[in-house]
PDB file of N, CA and C in Angstrom:
ATOM      1  N   MET A   1      -8.334 117.772 340.341  1.00  0.00           N
ATOM      2  CA  MET A   1      -8.357 116.607 339.697  1.00  0.00           C
ATOM      3  C   MET A   1      -8.060 117.134 338.203  1.00  0.00           C
ATOM      4  N   GLU A   2      -8.156 118.031 338.442  1.00  0.00           N
ATOM      5  CA  GLU A   2      -7.340 118.507 337.325  1.00  0.00           C
ATOM      6  C   GLU A   2      -5.736 117.635 336.827  1.00  0.00           C
ATOM      7  N   GLY A   3      -5.282 118.607 337.943  1.00  0.00           N
ATOM      8  CA  GLY A   3      -3.935 118.488 338.024  1.00  0.00           C
ATOM      9  C   GLY A   3      -3.608 117.417 338.053  1.00  0.00           C
ATOM     10  N   MET A   4      -4.124 116.039 338.625  1.00  0.00           N
ATOM     11  CA  MET A   4      -4.245 114.875 339.097  1.00  0.00           C
ATOM     12  C   MET A   4      -3.885 113.603 337.740  1.00  0.00           C
ATOM     13  N   ASP A   5      -4.908 114.630 336.347  1.00  0.00           N
ATOM     14  CA  ASP A   5      -5.319 114.271 334.538  1.00  0.00           C
ATOM     15  C   ASP A   5      -4.411 114.294 334.004  1.00  0.00           C
ATOM     16  N   GLU A   6      -3.381 115.726 334.251  1.00  0.00           N
ATOM     17  CA  GLU A   6      -2.060 116.194 333.596  1.00  0.00           C
ATOM     18  C   GLU A   6      -1.309 115.546 334.007  1.00  0.00           C
ATOM     19  N   LEU A   7      -1.199 114.726 335.590  1.00  0.00           N
ATOM     20  CA  LEU A   7      -0.025 113.844 335.934  1.00  0.00           C
ATOM     21  C   LEU A   7      -0.714 112.749 335.459  1.00  0.00           C
ATOM     22  N   GLU A   8      -0.989 112.035 335.392  1.00  0.00           N
ATOM     23  CA  GLU A   8      -1.766 110.316 334.728  1.00  0.00           C
ATOM     24  C   GLU A   8      -1.280 111.097 332.514  1.00  0.00           C
ATOM     25  N   ASP A   9      -1.329 111.876 332.240  1.00  0.00           N
ATOM     26  CA  ASP A   9      -0.852 111.803 331.042  1.00  0.00           C
ATOM     27  C   ASP A   9       0.363 112.235 331.174  1.00  0.00           C
ATOM     28  N   ASP A  10       1.054 112.940 331.754  1.00  0.00           N
ATOM     29  CA  ASP A  10       2.644 112.699 331.644  1.00  0.00           C
ATOM     30  C   ASP A  10       2.954 111.655 332.033  1.00  0.00           C
ATOM     31  N   PHE A  11       2.811 111.200 333.059  1.00  0.00           N
ATOM     32  CA  PHE A  11       2.779 109.545 333.344  1.00  0.00           C
ATOM     33  C   PHE A  11       2.626 108.367 331.778  1.00  0.00           C
ATOM     34  N   ALA A  12       1.594 108.487 331.402  1.00  0.00           N
ATOM     35  CA  ALA A  12       1.142 107.234 330.299  1.00  0.00           C
ATOM     36  C   ALA A  12       2.013 107.744 328.784  1.00  0.00           C
ATOM     37  N   LEU A  13       2.327 109.303 328.794  1.00  0.00           N
ATOM     38  CA  LEU A  13       3.267 109.666 327.092  1.00  0.00           C
ATOM     39  C   LEU A  13       4.358 109.115 327.925  1.00  0.00           C
ATOM     40  N   LYS A  14       5.578 109.340 329.018  1.00  0.00           N
ATOM     41  CA  LYS A  14       6.661 108.730 329.293  1.00  0.00           C
ATOM     42  C   LYS A  14       6.606 107.657 329.171  1.00  0.00           C
ATOM     43  N   THR A  15       5.363 107.047 329.176  1.00  0.00           N
ATOM     44  CA  THR A  15       5.448 105.219 329.337  1.00  0.00           C
ATOM     45  C   THR A  15       5.376 104.758 327.990  1.00  0.00           C
ATOM     46  N   LEU A  16       4.865 105.313 327.291  1.00  0.00           N
ATOM     47  CA  LEU A  16       4.524 105.604 325.731  1.00  0.00           C
ATOM     48  C   LEU A  16       5.898 105.669 324.803  1.00  0.00           C
ATOM     49  N   ILE A  17       6.844 106.027 325.511  1.00  0.00           N
ATOM     50  CA  ILE A  17       8.047 107.173 324.861  1.00  0.00           C
ATOM     51  C   ILE A  17       9.183 105.781 325.567  1.00  0.00           C
ATOM     52  N   GLU A  18       9.063 105.377 326.139  1.00  0.00           N
ATOM     53  CA  GLU A  18       9.824 104.766 326.824  1.00  0.00           C
ATOM     54  C   GLU A  18      10.386 103.018 326.105  1.00  0.00           C
ATOM     55  N   ALA A  19       8.468 102.928 325.922  1.00  0.00           N
ATOM     56  CA  ALA A  19       8.083 101.479 324.861  1.00  0.00           C
ATOM     57  C   ALA A  19       8.745 102.099 324.244  1.00  0.00           C
ATOM     58  N   VAL A  20       8.839 102.830 322.900  1.00  0.00           N
ATOM     59  CA  VAL A  20       9.596 103.200 321.693  1.00  0.00           C
ATOM     60  C   VAL A  20      10.484 102.619 321.521  1.00  0.00           C
ATOM     61  N   GLU A  21      11.236 103.821 322.606  1.00  0.00           N
ATOM     62  CA  GLU A  21      12.848 102.912 322.941  1.00  0.00           C
ATOM     63  C   GLU A  21      12.966 102.116 322.889  1.00  0.00           C
ATOM     64  N   ASN A  22      12.664 101.577 323.730  1.00  0.00           N
ATOM     65  CA  ASN A  22      12.850  99.561 323.905  1.00  0.00           C
ATOM     66  C   ASN A  22      12.617  99.050 322.775  1.00  0.00           C
ATOM     67  N   GLN A  23      11.449  99.833 321.622  1.00  0.00           N
ATOM     68  CA  GLN A  23      11.420  99.290 320.573  1.00  0.00           C
ATOM     69  C   GLN A  23      11.848  98.920 319.435  1.00  0.00           C
ATOM     70  N   ILE A  24      13.127 100.359 318.848  1.00  0.00           N
ATOM     71  CA  ILE A  24      14.250 100.521 318.566  1.00  0.00           C
ATOM     72  C   ILE A  24      15.565 100.269 319.244  1.00  0.00           C
ATOM     73  N   VAL A  25      15.516 100.335 320.338  1.00  0.00           N
ATOM     74  CA  VAL A  25      16.913  99.367 320.793  1.00  0.00           C
ATOM     75  C   VAL A  25      16.482  97.738 320.524  1.00  0.00           C
ATOM     76  N   GLU A  26      15.441  97.210 321.051  1.00  0.00           N
ATOM     77  CA  GLU A  26      15.461  95.335 320.390  1.00  0.00           C
ATOM     78  C   GLU A  26      14.659  95.295 318.501  1.00  0.00           C
ATOM     79  N   GLY A  27      14.941  96.700 318.078  1.00  0.00           N
ATOM     80  CA  GLY A  27      14.689  96.436 316.652  1.00  0.00           C
ATOM     81  C   GLY A  27      13.084  94.998 316.282  1.00  0.00           C
ATOM     82  N   HIS A  28      12.272  95.903 317.210  1.00  0.00           N
ATOM     83  CA  HIS A  28      10.887  95.148 316.432  1.00  0.00           C
ATOM     84  C   HIS A  28       9.675  96.599 317.469  1.00  0.00           C
ATOM     85  N   PRO A  29       9.372  96.434 316.559  1.00  0.00           N
ATOM     86  CA  PRO A  29       8.890  96.753 314.504  1.00  0.00           C
ATOM     87  C   PRO A  29      10.742  97.276 314.271  1.00  0.00           C
ATOM     88  N   ARG A  30      11.007  96.721 313.292  1.00  0.00           N
ATOM     89  CA  ARG A  30      12.780  97.675 313.130  1.00  0.00           C
ATOM     90  C   ARG A  30      11.921  99.269 312.197  1.00  0.00           C
ATOM     91  N   GLU A  31      10.965  98.785 311.849  1.00  0.00           N
ATOM     92  CA  GLU A  31      10.513 100.112 311.299  1.00  0.00           C
ATOM     93  C   GLU A  31      11.003 101.375 312.175  1.00  0.00           C
ATOM     94  N   ALA A  32      10.542 101.065 314.233  1.00  0.00           N
ATOM     95  CA  ALA A  32      10.832 102.092 314.961  1.00  0.00           C
ATOM     96  C   ALA A  32      12.277 102.644 314.365  1.00  0.00           C
ATOM     97  N   GLY A  33      12.704 101.714 314.327  1.00  0.00           N
ATOM     98  CA  GLY A  33      14.951 102.854 314.730  1.00  0.00           C
ATOM     99  C   GLY A  33      14.690 103.232 313.200  1.00  0.00           C
ATOM    100  N   LEU A  34      14.354 102.801 311.591  1.00  0.00           N
ATOM    101  CA  LEU A  34      14.055 103.561 310.945  1.00  0.00           C
ATOM    102  C   LEU A  34      12.790 104.856 310.720  1.00  0.00           C
ATOM    103  N   VAL A  35      12.157 104.675 311.190  1.00  0.00           N
ATOM    104  CA  VAL A  35      10.668 106.347 310.894  1.00  0.00           C
ATOM    105  C   VAL A  35      12.401 107.800 311.991  1.00  0.00           C
ATOM    106  N   LEU A  36      13.036 107.068 313.451  1.00  0.00           N
ATOM    107  CA  LEU A  36      13.434 108.168 314.281  1.00  0.00           C
ATOM    108  C   LEU A  36      14.476 108.238 313.632  1.00  0.00           C
ATOM    109  N   MET A  37      14.664 108.021 313.109  1.00  0.00           N
ATOM    110  CA  MET A  37      16.475 108.379 311.762  1.00  0.00           C
ATOM    111  C   MET A  37      15.762 108.753 310.838  1.00  0.00           C
ATOM    112  N   ALA A  38      14.309 109.218 309.707  1.00  0.00           N
ATOM    113  CA  ALA A  38      14.419 109.811 309.453  1.00  0.00           C
ATOM    114  C   ALA A  38      13.384 110.903 310.135  1.00  0.00           C
ATOM    115  N   LEU A  39      13.107 110.356 310.341  1.00  0.00           N
ATOM    116  CA  LEU A  39      13.147 112.172 310.814  1.00  0.00           C
ATOM    117  C   LEU A  39      13.501 113.620 311.623  1.00  0.00           C
ATOM    118  N   LEU A  40      14.648 112.502 312.545  1.00  0.00           N
ATOM    119  CA  LEU A  40      15.418 112.682 312.277  1.00  0.00           C
ATOM    120  C   LEU A  40      16.574 113.389 311.369  1.00  0.00           C
ATOM    121  N   GLU A  41      16.425 113.214 310.796  1.00  0.00           N
ATOM    122  CA  GLU A  41      17.437 113.748 308.944  1.00  0.00           C
ATOM    123  C   GLU A  41      16.362 114.881 308.674  1.00  0.00           C
ATOM    124  N   GLN A  42      15.663 114.589 309.099  1.00  0.00           N
ATOM    125  CA  GLN A  42      13.699 115.889 308.296  1.00  0.00           C
ATOM    126  C   GLN A  42      14.308 117.407 309.377  1.00  0.00           C
ATOM    127  N   GLY A  43      15.075 116.859 310.503  1.00  0.00           N
ATOM    128  CA  GLY A  43      15.697 117.663 311.636  1.00  0.00           C
ATOM    129  C   GLY A  43      13.847 118.799 312.735  1.00  0.00           C
ATOM    130  N   ILE A  44      13.400 117.828 312.811  1.00  0.00           N
ATOM    131  CA  ILE A  44      13.113 116.994 314.134  1.00  0.00           C
ATOM    132  C   ILE A  44      13.317 116.598 315.273  1.00  0.00           C
ATOM    133  N   PRO A  45      12.961 117.380 316.055  1.00  0.00           N
ATOM    134  CA  PRO A  45      13.787 117.788 318.085  1.00  0.00           C
ATOM    135  C   PRO A  45      13.791 115.280 318.013  1.00  0.00           C
ATOM    136  N   ARG A  46      14.776 114.783 318.238  1.00  0.00           N
ATOM    137  CA  ARG A  46      14.650 114.082 319.201  1.00  0.00           C
ATOM    138  C   ARG A  46      13.010 113.263 319.894  1.00  0.00           C
ATOM    139  N   ALA A  47      12.944 114.463 320.786  1.00  0.00           N
ATOM    140  CA  ALA A  47      11.423 114.390 322.383  1.00  0.00           C
ATOM    141  C   ALA A  47      10.971 114.230 321.395  1.00  0.00           C
ATOM    142  N   ASP A  48      10.710 115.236 320.278  1.00  0.00           N
ATOM    143  CA  ASP A  48       9.682 115.780 319.226  1.00  0.00           C
ATOM    144  C   ASP A  48       8.910 114.891 318.582  1.00  0.00           C
ATOM    145  N   ALA A  49      10.421 113.589 318.211  1.00  0.00           N
ATOM    146  CA  ALA A  49      10.137 112.657 316.996  1.00  0.00           C
ATOM    147  C   ALA A  49       9.347 111.311 318.143  1.00  0.00           C
ATOM    148  N   LEU A  50       9.986 111.190 319.034  1.00  0.00           N
ATOM    149  CA  LEU A  50       9.988 110.153 320.320  1.00  0.00           C
ATOM    150  C   LEU A  50       8.163 110.345 320.261  1.00  0.00           C
ATOM    151  N   THR A  51       7.519 111.595 320.457  1.00  0.00           N
ATOM    152  CA  THR A  51       5.879 111.628 320.947  1.00  0.00           C
ATOM    153  C   THR A  51       5.288 111.524 320.225  1.00  0.00           C
ATOM    154  N   ALA A  52       5.909 111.946 319.093  1.00  0.00           N
ATOM    155  CA  ALA A  52       4.996 111.639 317.458  1.00  0.00           C
ATOM    156  C   ALA A  52       4.723 110.043 317.629  1.00  0.00           C
ATOM    157  N   MET A  53       5.998 109.866 318.212  1.00  0.00           N
ATOM    158  CA  MET A  53       6.277 107.814 317.831  1.00  0.00           C
ATOM    159  C   MET A  53       4.881 107.745 318.518  1.00  0.00           C
ATOM    160  N   ALA A  54       5.164 108.100 320.116  1.00  0.00           N
ATOM    161  CA  ALA A  54       4.678 107.517 320.857  1.00  0.00           C
ATOM    162  C   ALA A  54       3.661 107.454 320.885  1.00  0.00           C
ATOM    163  N   GLU A  55       2.873 108.685 320.631  1.00  0.00           N
ATOM    164  CA  GLU A  55       1.413 108.704 319.891  1.00  0.00           C
ATOM    165  C   GLU A  55       0.049 107.854 318.772  1.00  0.00           C
ATOM    166  N   VAL A  56       1.593 107.919 317.925  1.00  0.00           N
ATOM    167  CA  VAL A  56       1.300 106.803 317.641  1.00  0.00           C
ATOM    168  C   VAL A  56       0.888 104.660 317.972  1.00  0.00           C
ATOM    169  N   LEU A  57       2.043 104.856 318.807  1.00  0.00           N
ATOM    170  CA  LEU A  57       1.413 103.795 319.763  1.00  0.00           C
ATOM    171  C   LEU A  57       0.356 103.566 320.038  1.00  0.00           C
ATOM    172  N   ALA A  58      -0.251 104.845 321.200  1.00  0.00           N
ATOM    173  CA  ALA A  58      -1.275 104.668 321.889  1.00  0.00           C
ATOM    174  C   ALA A  58      -2.711 104.572 320.545  1.00  0.00           C
ATOM    175  N   GLU A  59      -2.397 105.222 319.784  1.00  0.00           N
ATOM    176  CA  GLU A  59      -3.996 105.450 318.956  1.00  0.00           C
ATOM    177  C   GLU A  59      -3.753 103.812 318.674  1.00  0.00           C
ATOM    178  N   HIS A  60      -2.464 102.791 318.477  1.00  0.00           N
ATOM    179  CA  HIS A  60      -2.521 101.740 318.184  1.00  0.00           C
ATOM    180  C   HIS A  60      -3.306 100.937 318.961  1.00  0.00           C
ATOM    181  N   ILE A  61      -2.644 101.312 320.444  1.00  0.00           N
ATOM    182  CA  ILE A  61      -2.971 100.740 321.589  1.00  0.00           C
ATOM    183  C   ILE A  61      -4.355 100.812 321.449  1.00  0.00           C
ATOM    184  N   ALA A  62      -5.310 101.660 321.677  1.00  0.00           N
ATOM    185  CA  ALA A  62      -6.048 102.117 321.541  1.00  0.00           C
ATOM    186  C   ALA A  62      -7.631 101.443 321.259  1.00  0.00           C
ATOM    187  N   ILE A  63      -7.061 101.633 319.701  1.00  0.00           N
ATOM    188  CA  ILE A  63      -7.648 100.410 318.524  1.00  0.00           C
ATOM    189  C   ILE A  63      -7.265  98.645 319.227  1.00  0.00           C
ATOM    190  N   THR A  64      -6.495  98.366 319.341  1.00  0.00           N
ATOM    191  CA  THR A  64      -6.740  97.302 320.027  1.00  0.00           C
ATOM    192  C   THR A  64      -7.711  97.032 321.317  1.00  0.00           C
ATOM    193  N   PHE A  65      -7.586  97.550 321.611  1.00  0.00           N
ATOM    194  CA  PHE A  65      -9.282  97.602 322.876  1.00  0.00           C
ATOM    195  C   PHE A  65     -10.152  97.381 322.794  1.00  0.00           C
ATOM    196  N   SER A  66     -10.125  98.673 320.985  1.00  0.00           N
ATOM    197  CA  SER A  66     -11.495  98.710 320.430  1.00  0.00           C
ATOM    198  C   SER A  66     -12.005  97.531 319.749  1.00  0.00           C
ATOM    199  N   THR A  67     -10.965  97.497 319.358  1.00  0.00           N
ATOM    200  CA  THR A  67     -11.833  95.925 318.397  1.00  0.00           C
ATOM    201  C   THR A  67     -11.648  94.650 319.010  1.00  0.00           C
ATOM    202  N   GLU A  68     -10.665  94.451 320.086  1.00  0.00           N
ATOM    203  CA  GLU A  68     -10.568  93.213 320.634  1.00  0.00           C
ATOM    204  C   GLU A  68      -9.485  91.902 320.447  1.00  0.00           C
ATOM    205  N   LYS A  69      -8.803  92.582 319.298  1.00  0.00           N
ATOM    206  CA  LYS A  69      -8.100  92.142 318.057  1.00  0.00           C
ATOM    207  C   LYS A  69      -6.804  92.128 318.534  1.00  0.00           C
ATOM    208  N   PRO A  70      -6.456  91.085 318.389  1.00  0.00           N
ATOM    209  CA  PRO A  70      -4.267  91.109 319.180  1.00  0.00           C
ATOM    210  C   PRO A  70      -3.532  92.367 318.131  1.00  0.00           C
ATOM    211  N   PHE A  71      -3.243  93.017 319.076  1.00  0.00           N
ATOM    212  CA  PHE A  71      -2.258  93.794 318.687  1.00  0.00           C
ATOM    213  C   PHE A  71      -2.095  94.136 316.791  1.00  0.00           C
ATOM    214  N   ASP A  72      -1.415  94.979 316.236  1.00  0.00           N
ATOM    215  CA  ASP A  72      -1.435  94.662 314.164  1.00  0.00           C
ATOM    216  C   ASP A  72      -0.197  95.663 314.418  1.00  0.00           C
ATOM    217  N   VAL A  73       0.769  94.379 314.562  1.00  0.00           N
ATOM    218  CA  VAL A  73       1.856  95.604 314.495  1.00  0.00           C
ATOM    219  C   VAL A  73       2.461  95.790 313.051  1.00  0.00           C
ATOM    220  N   ASN A  74       2.094  95.134 312.153  1.00  0.00           N
ATOM    221  CA  ASN A  74       1.982  95.417 310.582  1.00  0.00           C
ATOM    222  C   ASN A  74       1.534  96.979 310.274  1.00  0.00           C
ATOM    223  N   ALA A  75       0.487  96.802 311.536  1.00  0.00           N
ATOM    224  CA  ALA A  75      -0.053  98.243 310.703  1.00  0.00           C
ATOM    225  C   ALA A  75       0.176  99.444 311.673  1.00  0.00           C
ATOM    226  N   TYR A  76       0.982  99.167 312.393  1.00  0.00           N
ATOM    227  CA  TYR A  76       1.251 100.288 313.286  1.00  0.00           C
ATOM    228  C   TYR A  76       2.679 100.285 312.803  1.00  0.00           C
ATOM    229  N   ALA A  77       3.578  99.292 312.401  1.00  0.00           N
ATOM    230  CA  ALA A  77       4.570  99.649 312.023  1.00  0.00           C
ATOM    231  C   ALA A  77       4.174 100.961 310.094  1.00  0.00           C
ATOM    232  N   ARG A  78       3.262 100.086 310.026  1.00  0.00           N
ATOM    233  CA  ARG A  78       3.000 101.087 307.941  1.00  0.00           C
ATOM    234  C   ARG A  78       2.431 102.752 308.878  1.00  0.00           C
ATOM    235  N   ALA A  79       1.685 103.178 310.190  1.00  0.00           N
ATOM    236  CA  ALA A  79       1.307 103.980 310.591  1.00  0.00           C
ATOM    237  C   ALA A  79       2.727 105.007 311.275  1.00  0.00           C
ATOM    238  N   LEU A  80       4.093 104.295 311.661  1.00  0.00           N
ATOM    239  CA  LEU A  80       5.733 105.189 311.439  1.00  0.00           C
ATOM    240  C   LEU A  80       5.850 105.030 310.179  1.00  0.00           C
ATOM    241  N   LEU A  81       5.301 104.862 309.940  1.00  0.00           N
ATOM    242  CA  LEU A  81       6.333 105.139 308.368  1.00  0.00           C
ATOM    243  C   LEU A  81       5.818 106.280 308.046  1.00  0.00           C
ATOM    244  N   ALA A  82       4.205 106.113 308.316  1.00  0.00           N
ATOM    245  CA  ALA A  82       3.236 107.711 307.819  1.00  0.00           C
ATOM    246  C   ALA A  82       4.142 108.941 308.118  1.00  0.00           C
ATOM    247  N   LEU A  83       4.699 108.698 308.849  1.00  0.00           N
ATOM    248  CA  LEU A  83       5.489 109.737 309.818  1.00  0.00           C
ATOM    249  C   LEU A  83       6.555 110.323 309.019  1.00  0.00           C
ATOM    250  N   THR A  84       7.441 109.493 308.374  1.00  0.00           N
ATOM    251  CA  THR A  84       8.187 110.097 307.209  1.00  0.00           C
ATOM    252  C   THR A  84       7.765 110.936 306.446  1.00  0.00           C
ATOM    253  N   ASN A  85       6.685 110.576 306.297  1.00  0.00           N
ATOM    254  CA  ASN A  85       6.224 111.355 304.764  1.00  0.00           C
ATOM    255  C   ASN A  85       5.050 113.185 305.131  1.00  0.00           C
ATOM    256  N   ASN A  86       6.682 114.124 304.665  1.00  0.00           N
ATOM    257  CA  ASN A  86       6.328 115.010 304.614  1.00  0.00           C
ATOM    258  C   ASN A  86       6.334 115.720 303.110  1.00  0.00           C
ATOM    259  N   ASP A  87       4.681 115.470 303.195  1.00  0.00           N
ATOM    260  CA  ASP A  87       4.364 115.773 301.680  1.00  0.00           C
ATOM    261  C   ASP A  87       3.428 117.163 302.489  1.00  0.00           C
TER     262      ASP A  87
END
């Protein structure tokens, strides 16, 4: 069963990365493209940047399900921008 869980996790991550890539192409939220560019400029490999952004998306989807409220694109955009803080 552990192998199945890993396959499911891989599939979920690939799906989330694809969603982030679509956001970048569509320009919504616009922060997605800006954050990717900023992370790349910081020397972060594209795959790692997209994975980090996908993890933020996953967190906000989980919040949406747990609170049963609509997806808060503004909170998601702020969380994406926080990825660029290299404090």
